[in-house]
Amino acid sequence: MALIPATILTGFLGSGKTTLLKRVLTEAHGMKIAVIENEFGEENIDNDILVSDTQETIVQMSNGCVCCTIREDLRSTLQLLAAKKRKGLLDFERVIIETTGLADTGPVAQTFFMDDEVAESYLLDAVITLVDAKHAPQQLNDRQEARRQVGFADQIFISKADLVSADELEALTHRLKHMNPRAPIETAHFGEVPLAKVLDLKGFNLNAKLDIDPDFLKEDDHGHDHHDHAHGEHCDHPSHAHDTGHAHHHHHDDDVKSFVYRATRPFNPAKLEDFLGAIVNVYGPRMLRYKGVLHMQGTERKVIFQGVHQLMGSDLGPLWGPGEERLSKMVFIGIDLPRDILVQGLDQCLT
């Protein structure tokens, strides 16, 4: 049986996850989607229930989509759905997991790699994060969950953009890029987003042949280090009232940050493997996502590596083009990562 693609839909409380989900489920795309919800919100998405299996809390909707709540944990729910699909009791082609607004995305994503039974049935496709334009600046200042959700994202949608000024929207977009330069950012008006931006993004293939994003870390998308001011003496953290009008000056000093490493000399594969292994051992819990296209000694192909927390994978990508500059580019997104240690260690892995 082919692996079932799974999408994690996350975002802080009130960011519009259910609105986006309803839009995906009710669109006439002809796909059968199983939805796993941490909690059925006040506004249930199962308005047109055809069949309700109360014992398993699985509901089938009129368009063939299936919904279920998480009773015990995600692992057992995923196993149950896969078993029912194998036996022909449920018909669905993909899974969307809507997390609670306070959920930590890390353990949800790790379920797909840590549990053999789940890994044999599912392929984690991408993490989609919704950000509420009006309340995000405050939430990002005050709540680490909100910052982590941004750090984990493969695709970010900004909702409620019509409620803020163009300057505020630009400042928020700049801040999100600073935290996570690898996730495309788009606005979503009442969940109106093309399905191609939500499904089959292939953002999370830890060990698959990855298409290298041609815009992967454009020069202008990262490393605004000169904005990283620490809080001044007048700062009344956690919510800096003085941020509001000058958000683009980055008075906030987010603990979720990204930085990019570049090198033209090739990496020594053994040294790099040892160093990354050691780093992940120590800092893994604080490393949200990391990804790179590497110039490696001993191969004419690009080496693509990425990971989440302590899980890391790499694979051979396409050949370096004739005349193409052989440049290693890596992005690290994490919580207070020791940039100096990483840069120094990576430099020592070069030939």
Protein backbone atom coordinates (compact mmCIF):
# COMPACT_ATOMS: atom_id res chain seq x y z
CA MET A 1 0.00 0.00 0.00
CA ALA A 2 1.35 3.44 -0.91
CA LEU A 3 2.29 5.73 1.95
CA ILE A 4 -0.51 8.06 3.04
CA PRO A 5 0.57 11.73 2.88
CA ALA A 6 0.00 13.64 6.13
CA THR A 7 -0.14 17.41 6.69
CA ILE A 8 0.15 19.11 10.08
CA LEU A 9 -1.94 22.26 10.37
CA THR A 10 -0.84 24.44 13.25
CA GLY A 11 -1.05 28.03 14.45
CA PHE A 12 -1.80 29.89 17.65
CA LEU A 13 -5.30 30.14 19.13
CA GLY A 14 -7.67 31.98 16.81
CA SER A 15 -5.32 32.05 13.82
CA GLY A 16 -7.91 30.54 11.46
CA LYS A 17 -6.95 26.86 11.32
CA THR A 18 -10.55 25.61 11.33
CA THR A 19 -11.55 28.15 8.66
CA LEU A 20 -8.75 26.94 6.39
CA LEU A 21 -9.61 23.33 7.13
CA LYS A 22 -13.29 23.83 6.27
CA ARG A 23 -12.27 25.40 3.01
CA VAL A 24 -10.01 22.44 2.16
CA LEU A 25 -12.68 19.90 3.12
CA THR A 26 -15.60 21.51 1.35
CA GLU A 27 -13.83 22.31 -1.91
CA ALA A 28 -14.81 20.01 -4.76
CA HIS A 29 -11.34 18.54 -5.20
CA GLY A 30 -12.56 14.95 -5.29
CA MET A 31 -10.03 13.89 -2.65
CA LYS A 32 -10.94 11.89 0.40
CA ILE A 33 -9.21 13.37 3.41
CA ALA A 34 -9.07 12.05 6.96
CA VAL A 35 -8.90 14.85 9.52
CA ILE A 36 -7.50 14.28 12.99
CA GLU A 37 -8.35 17.01 15.48
CA ASN A 38 -6.84 17.56 18.89
CA GLU A 39 -10.14 19.08 19.87
CA PHE A 40 -13.36 19.69 18.04
CA GLY A 41 -13.71 23.45 18.18
CA GLU A 42 -16.91 25.26 19.09
CA GLU A 43 -17.68 25.35 15.41
CA ASN A 44 -17.71 21.72 14.37
CA ILE A 45 -16.58 21.02 10.86
CA ASP A 46 -18.82 17.98 10.60
CA ASN A 47 -22.02 19.74 9.63
CA ASP A 48 -23.00 17.10 7.07
CA ILE A 49 -22.34 13.93 8.98
CA LEU A 50 -23.46 10.83 7.16
CA VAL A 51 -22.08 8.13 9.37
CA SER A 52 -20.95 8.51 12.94
CA ASP A 53 -18.98 5.76 14.60
CA THR A 54 -19.23 7.06 18.17
CA GLN A 55 -17.21 4.23 19.62
CA GLU A 56 -14.13 5.27 17.67
CA THR A 57 -15.12 8.97 17.43
CA ILE A 58 -14.75 8.84 13.66
CA VAL A 59 -17.27 10.75 11.59
CA GLN A 60 -17.71 10.51 7.86
CA MET A 61 -18.81 13.60 5.95
CA SER A 62 -20.95 13.80 2.87
CA ASN A 63 -18.00 14.54 0.58
CA GLY A 64 -16.26 11.35 1.67
CA CYS A 65 -13.91 13.04 4.13
CA VAL A 66 -13.44 11.45 7.54
CA CYS A 67 -12.94 13.22 10.88
CA CYS A 68 -11.80 11.90 14.20
CA THR A 69 -10.70 13.30 17.54
CA ILE A 70 -7.54 12.26 19.32
CA ARG A 71 -8.62 10.32 22.36
CA GLU A 72 -5.41 8.74 23.57
CA ASP A 73 -2.61 9.95 21.42
CA LEU A 74 -1.77 10.65 17.84
CA ARG A 75 0.10 7.40 17.33
CA SER A 76 -2.82 5.14 18.19
CA THR A 77 -5.22 7.30 16.16
CA LEU A 78 -2.98 7.09 13.08
CA GLN A 79 -2.57 3.34 13.52
CA LEU A 80 -6.34 2.90 13.85
CA LEU A 81 -7.05 4.90 10.69
CA ALA A 82 -4.41 2.98 8.70
CA ALA A 83 -5.81 -0.35 9.91
CA LYS A 84 -9.36 0.63 8.93
CA LYS A 85 -8.11 1.76 5.53
CA ARG A 86 -6.29 -1.55 4.97
CA LYS A 87 -9.40 -3.51 5.87
CA GLY A 88 -11.52 -1.43 3.51
CA LEU A 89 -13.61 -0.02 6.38
CA LEU A 90 -12.56 3.58 5.65
CA ASP A 91 -11.67 5.16 2.35
CA PHE A 92 -9.31 8.13 2.45
CA GLU A 93 -6.22 9.22 0.54
CA ARG A 94 -4.50 11.64 2.91
CA VAL A 95 -4.53 12.90 6.49
CA ILE A 96 -4.61 16.44 7.89
CA ILE A 97 -3.85 16.86 11.59
CA GLU A 98 -5.19 20.05 13.14
CA THR A 99 -3.32 20.72 16.37
CA THR A 100 -4.58 22.77 19.29
CA GLY A 101 -3.44 26.37 19.30
CA LEU A 102 -1.02 25.67 22.14
CA ALA A 103 0.46 22.48 20.71
CA ASP A 104 4.19 21.96 20.29
CA THR A 105 4.63 20.86 16.68
CA GLY A 106 7.86 18.93 17.38
CA PRO A 107 6.44 15.79 19.00
CA VAL A 108 3.59 15.72 16.45
CA ALA A 109 6.11 15.71 13.59
CA GLN A 110 8.40 13.22 15.32
CA THR A 111 5.58 10.67 15.61
CA PHE A 112 5.99 10.04 11.87
CA PHE A 113 9.64 9.07 12.23
CA MET A 114 9.91 7.59 15.71
CA ASP A 115 7.12 5.03 15.47
CA ASP A 116 7.81 2.20 13.01
CA GLU A 117 4.17 1.30 12.50
CA VAL A 118 3.27 4.91 11.70
CA ALA A 119 6.36 5.36 9.48
CA GLU A 120 5.36 2.28 7.45
CA SER A 121 1.92 3.73 6.69
CA TYR A 122 2.42 7.49 6.43
CA LEU A 123 4.66 10.10 4.85
CA LEU A 124 4.77 13.48 6.60
CA ASP A 125 4.30 15.99 3.80
CA ALA A 126 4.51 19.42 5.44
CA VAL A 127 3.79 21.63 8.43
CA ILE A 128 1.44 24.51 7.59
CA THR A 129 1.39 27.35 10.13
CA LEU A 130 -1.27 30.04 10.31
CA VAL A 131 -0.38 33.40 11.83
CA ASP A 132 -3.01 35.93 12.90
CA ALA A 133 -1.86 39.31 11.54
CA LYS A 134 -3.65 41.32 14.21
CA HIS A 135 -2.53 39.41 17.30
CA ALA A 136 0.71 37.77 16.15
CA PRO A 137 3.13 40.53 17.24
CA GLN A 138 1.90 40.20 20.83
CA GLN A 139 1.66 36.38 20.68
CA LEU A 140 5.17 36.06 19.26
CA ASN A 141 6.49 38.32 22.04
CA ASP A 142 4.74 36.45 24.83
CA ARG A 143 4.37 32.81 23.82
CA GLN A 144 7.12 30.43 22.90
CA GLU A 145 4.56 28.02 21.42
CA ALA A 146 3.71 30.67 18.80
CA ARG A 147 7.40 31.20 17.97
CA ARG A 148 8.05 27.46 17.70
CA GLN A 149 5.07 27.01 15.36
CA VAL A 150 6.68 29.57 13.04
CA GLY A 151 10.08 27.90 13.29
CA PHE A 152 8.66 24.53 12.29
CA ALA A 153 6.67 25.73 9.29
CA ASP A 154 7.15 24.62 5.69
CA GLN A 155 4.48 27.12 4.58
CA ILE A 156 3.17 30.14 6.50
CA PHE A 157 -0.21 31.75 5.89
CA ILE A 158 -1.00 35.13 7.45
CA SER A 159 -4.70 35.43 8.26
CA LYS A 160 -6.70 38.58 9.11
CA ALA A 161 -4.30 40.73 7.07
CA ASP A 162 -7.23 43.05 6.27
CA LEU A 163 -7.32 44.07 9.96
CA VAL A 164 -3.84 45.63 9.97
CA SER A 165 -2.09 48.39 8.01
CA ALA A 166 0.28 47.67 5.12
CA ASP A 167 3.22 48.74 7.33
CA GLU A 168 2.19 46.38 10.13
CA LEU A 169 1.80 43.52 7.65
CA GLU A 170 5.24 44.23 6.19
CA ALA A 171 6.81 44.35 9.66
CA LEU A 172 5.21 41.02 10.60
CA THR A 173 6.33 39.40 7.33
CA HIS A 174 9.87 40.65 7.91
CA ARG A 175 9.86 39.24 11.44
CA LEU A 176 8.55 35.84 10.29
CA LYS A 177 11.23 35.63 7.57
CA HIS A 178 13.85 36.47 10.16
CA MET A 179 12.62 33.55 12.27
CA ASN A 180 12.14 31.09 9.39
CA PRO A 181 13.61 31.97 5.98
CA ARG A 182 12.78 28.59 4.44
CA ALA A 183 8.97 28.82 4.58
CA PRO A 184 7.13 30.77 1.86
CA ILE A 185 4.75 33.36 3.38
CA GLU A 186 1.36 34.23 1.89
CA THR A 187 -1.79 35.91 3.09
CA ALA A 188 -4.94 33.82 3.44
CA HIS A 189 -8.26 35.67 3.40
CA PHE A 190 -10.85 33.56 5.25
CA GLY A 191 -9.00 30.39 4.35
CA GLU A 192 -9.05 31.16 0.62
CA VAL A 193 -5.80 29.54 -0.42
CA PRO A 194 -5.03 27.33 -3.42
CA LEU A 195 -4.90 23.65 -2.47
CA ALA A 196 -1.54 23.37 -4.22
CA LYS A 197 -0.14 25.58 -1.44
CA VAL A 198 -1.47 23.24 1.26
CA LEU A 199 -1.12 19.69 -0.04
CA ASP A 200 1.80 17.80 -1.61
CA LEU A 201 4.39 20.41 -0.66
CA LYS A 202 7.02 17.73 0.06
CA GLY A 203 8.47 20.01 2.69
CA PHE A 204 9.37 17.33 5.16
CA ASN A 205 11.01 14.49 3.27
CA LEU A 206 13.83 13.78 5.67
CA ASN A 207 15.41 11.31 3.30
CA ALA A 208 13.76 11.74 -0.06
CA LYS A 209 15.04 13.21 -3.28
CA LEU A 210 14.26 16.85 -2.66
CA ASP A 211 13.70 19.42 -5.31
CA ILE A 212 15.95 22.25 -4.35
CA ASP A 213 13.94 25.41 -4.04
CA PRO A 214 15.46 27.84 -6.55
CA ASP A 215 14.82 30.68 -4.10
CA PHE A 216 16.33 28.73 -1.21
CA LEU A 217 17.67 31.45 1.03
CA LYS A 218 18.00 34.34 -1.30
CA GLU A 219 20.59 36.78 -0.07
CA ASP A 220 17.98 39.24 1.15
CA ASP A 221 15.88 36.79 3.11
CA HIS A 222 18.09 36.13 6.08
CA GLY A 223 20.74 37.21 8.43
CA HIS A 224 19.39 40.60 9.42
CA ASP A 225 21.81 40.38 12.31
CA HIS A 226 22.10 44.11 12.59
CA HIS A 227 18.47 44.11 13.76
CA ASP A 228 19.20 41.82 16.68
CA HIS A 229 19.17 44.43 19.39
CA ALA A 230 18.91 43.08 22.87
CA HIS A 231 16.18 44.62 24.99
CA GLY A 232 17.12 48.07 26.23
CA GLU A 233 16.94 49.10 29.84
CA HIS A 234 13.49 50.58 29.31
CA CYS A 235 12.08 47.34 28.00
CA ASP A 236 9.17 45.97 29.99
CA HIS A 237 9.33 42.41 28.65
CA PRO A 238 7.39 40.20 27.89
CA SER A 239 5.16 42.44 25.75
CA HIS A 240 7.13 45.39 24.60
CA ALA A 241 4.59 48.14 24.21
CA HIS A 242 7.18 50.13 22.31
CA ASP A 243 7.24 47.49 19.56
CA THR A 244 3.93 48.38 18.07
CA GLY A 245 4.85 51.32 15.90
CA HIS A 246 8.41 50.30 15.14
CA ALA A 247 8.18 46.58 14.67
CA HIS A 248 10.44 46.77 11.62
CA HIS A 249 13.29 47.88 13.87
CA HIS A 250 13.21 44.51 15.60
CA HIS A 251 13.20 45.64 19.20
CA HIS A 252 11.88 42.19 20.03
CA ASP A 253 14.65 39.65 20.32
CA ASP A 254 12.92 36.40 19.40
CA ASP A 255 14.46 33.27 20.84
CA VAL A 256 13.46 31.40 17.67
CA LYS A 257 15.95 32.57 15.09
CA SER A 258 17.50 31.38 11.89
CA PHE A 259 20.91 31.79 10.46
CA VAL A 260 22.52 30.72 7.23
CA TYR A 261 25.94 29.16 6.76
CA ARG A 262 27.68 29.31 3.38
CA ALA A 263 30.98 27.83 2.20
CA THR A 264 32.68 27.39 -1.16
CA ARG A 265 35.24 24.78 -0.06
CA PRO A 266 33.85 21.23 0.00
CA PHE A 267 32.99 19.43 3.22
CA ASN A 268 34.89 16.38 4.43
CA PRO A 269 31.99 13.88 4.75
CA ALA A 270 33.33 12.00 7.81
CA LYS A 271 34.16 15.18 9.73
CA LEU A 272 30.79 16.75 8.93
CA GLU A 273 28.88 13.65 9.98
CA ASP A 274 30.75 13.52 13.30
CA PHE A 275 30.23 17.21 13.99
CA LEU A 276 26.52 17.28 13.12
CA GLY A 277 25.98 14.13 15.16
CA ALA A 278 27.60 15.76 18.19
CA ILE A 279 25.67 19.04 17.74
CA VAL A 280 22.34 17.27 17.39
CA ASN A 281 23.13 15.24 20.50
CA VAL A 282 23.60 18.38 22.58
CA TYR A 283 21.28 20.93 20.98
CA GLY A 284 18.73 18.65 19.26
CA PRO A 285 15.73 19.67 21.41
CA ARG A 286 16.39 23.34 20.54
CA MET A 287 16.92 22.69 16.80
CA LEU A 288 13.51 23.06 15.22
CA ARG A 289 14.38 22.63 11.55
CA TYR A 290 17.59 22.63 9.57
CA LYS A 291 18.24 22.07 5.92
CA GLY A 292 21.07 22.36 3.47
CA VAL A 293 22.41 21.83 -0.02
CA LEU A 294 26.02 20.72 0.39
CA HIS A 295 29.15 20.61 -1.72
CA MET A 296 30.74 17.36 -0.53
CA GLN A 297 34.19 15.99 -1.28
CA GLY A 298 34.09 12.82 -3.37
CA THR A 299 30.79 13.27 -5.21
CA GLU A 300 29.73 15.19 -8.30
CA ARG A 301 26.21 15.47 -6.89
CA LYS A 302 24.68 17.94 -4.50
CA VAL A 303 24.06 16.42 -1.09
CA ILE A 304 20.77 17.44 0.48
CA PHE A 305 20.34 17.17 4.17
CA GLN A 306 17.62 18.20 6.59
CA GLY A 307 16.32 17.42 9.99
CA VAL A 308 14.05 18.16 12.89
CA HIS A 309 15.27 18.05 16.48
CA GLN A 310 17.49 14.95 16.80
CA LEU A 311 16.34 13.36 13.53
CA MET A 312 18.59 14.00 10.59
CA GLY A 313 18.72 12.59 7.09
CA SER A 314 20.67 13.22 3.90
CA ASP A 315 20.48 12.11 0.30
CA LEU A 316 22.16 12.65 -3.05
CA GLY A 317 20.52 15.33 -5.14
CA PRO A 318 21.08 16.30 -8.78
CA LEU A 319 24.50 16.72 -10.39
CA TRP A 320 26.22 20.09 -10.09
CA GLY A 321 25.67 21.88 -13.38
CA PRO A 322 28.56 22.68 -15.70
CA GLY A 323 29.88 26.07 -14.63
CA GLU A 324 27.61 26.16 -11.57
CA GLU A 325 29.27 27.53 -8.44
CA ARG A 326 29.68 24.68 -5.96
CA LEU A 327 28.44 26.36 -2.84
CA SER A 328 27.21 24.79 0.41
CA LYS A 329 24.20 26.56 1.92
CA MET A 330 22.68 25.54 5.24
CA VAL A 331 19.91 27.11 7.28
CA PHE A 332 19.40 26.42 10.98
CA ILE A 333 16.18 27.41 12.75
CA GLY A 334 16.09 26.97 16.48
CA ILE A 335 15.79 28.35 19.98
CA ASP A 336 18.84 30.31 21.10
CA LEU A 337 21.22 28.20 19.01
CA PRO A 338 24.95 28.83 19.59
CA ARG A 339 25.75 30.33 16.21
CA ASP A 340 29.46 30.78 16.96
CA ILE A 341 29.92 27.12 17.92
CA LEU A 342 28.05 25.96 14.80
CA VAL A 343 29.97 28.22 12.43
CA GLN A 344 33.33 27.37 13.95
CA GLY A 345 32.58 23.63 13.91
CA LEU A 346 31.33 23.67 10.31
CA ASP A 347 34.41 25.64 9.21
CA GLN A 348 36.58 22.88 10.68
CA CYS A 349 34.74 20.26 8.60
CA LEU A 350 35.78 21.88 5.31
CA THR A 351 38.61 20.33 3.31
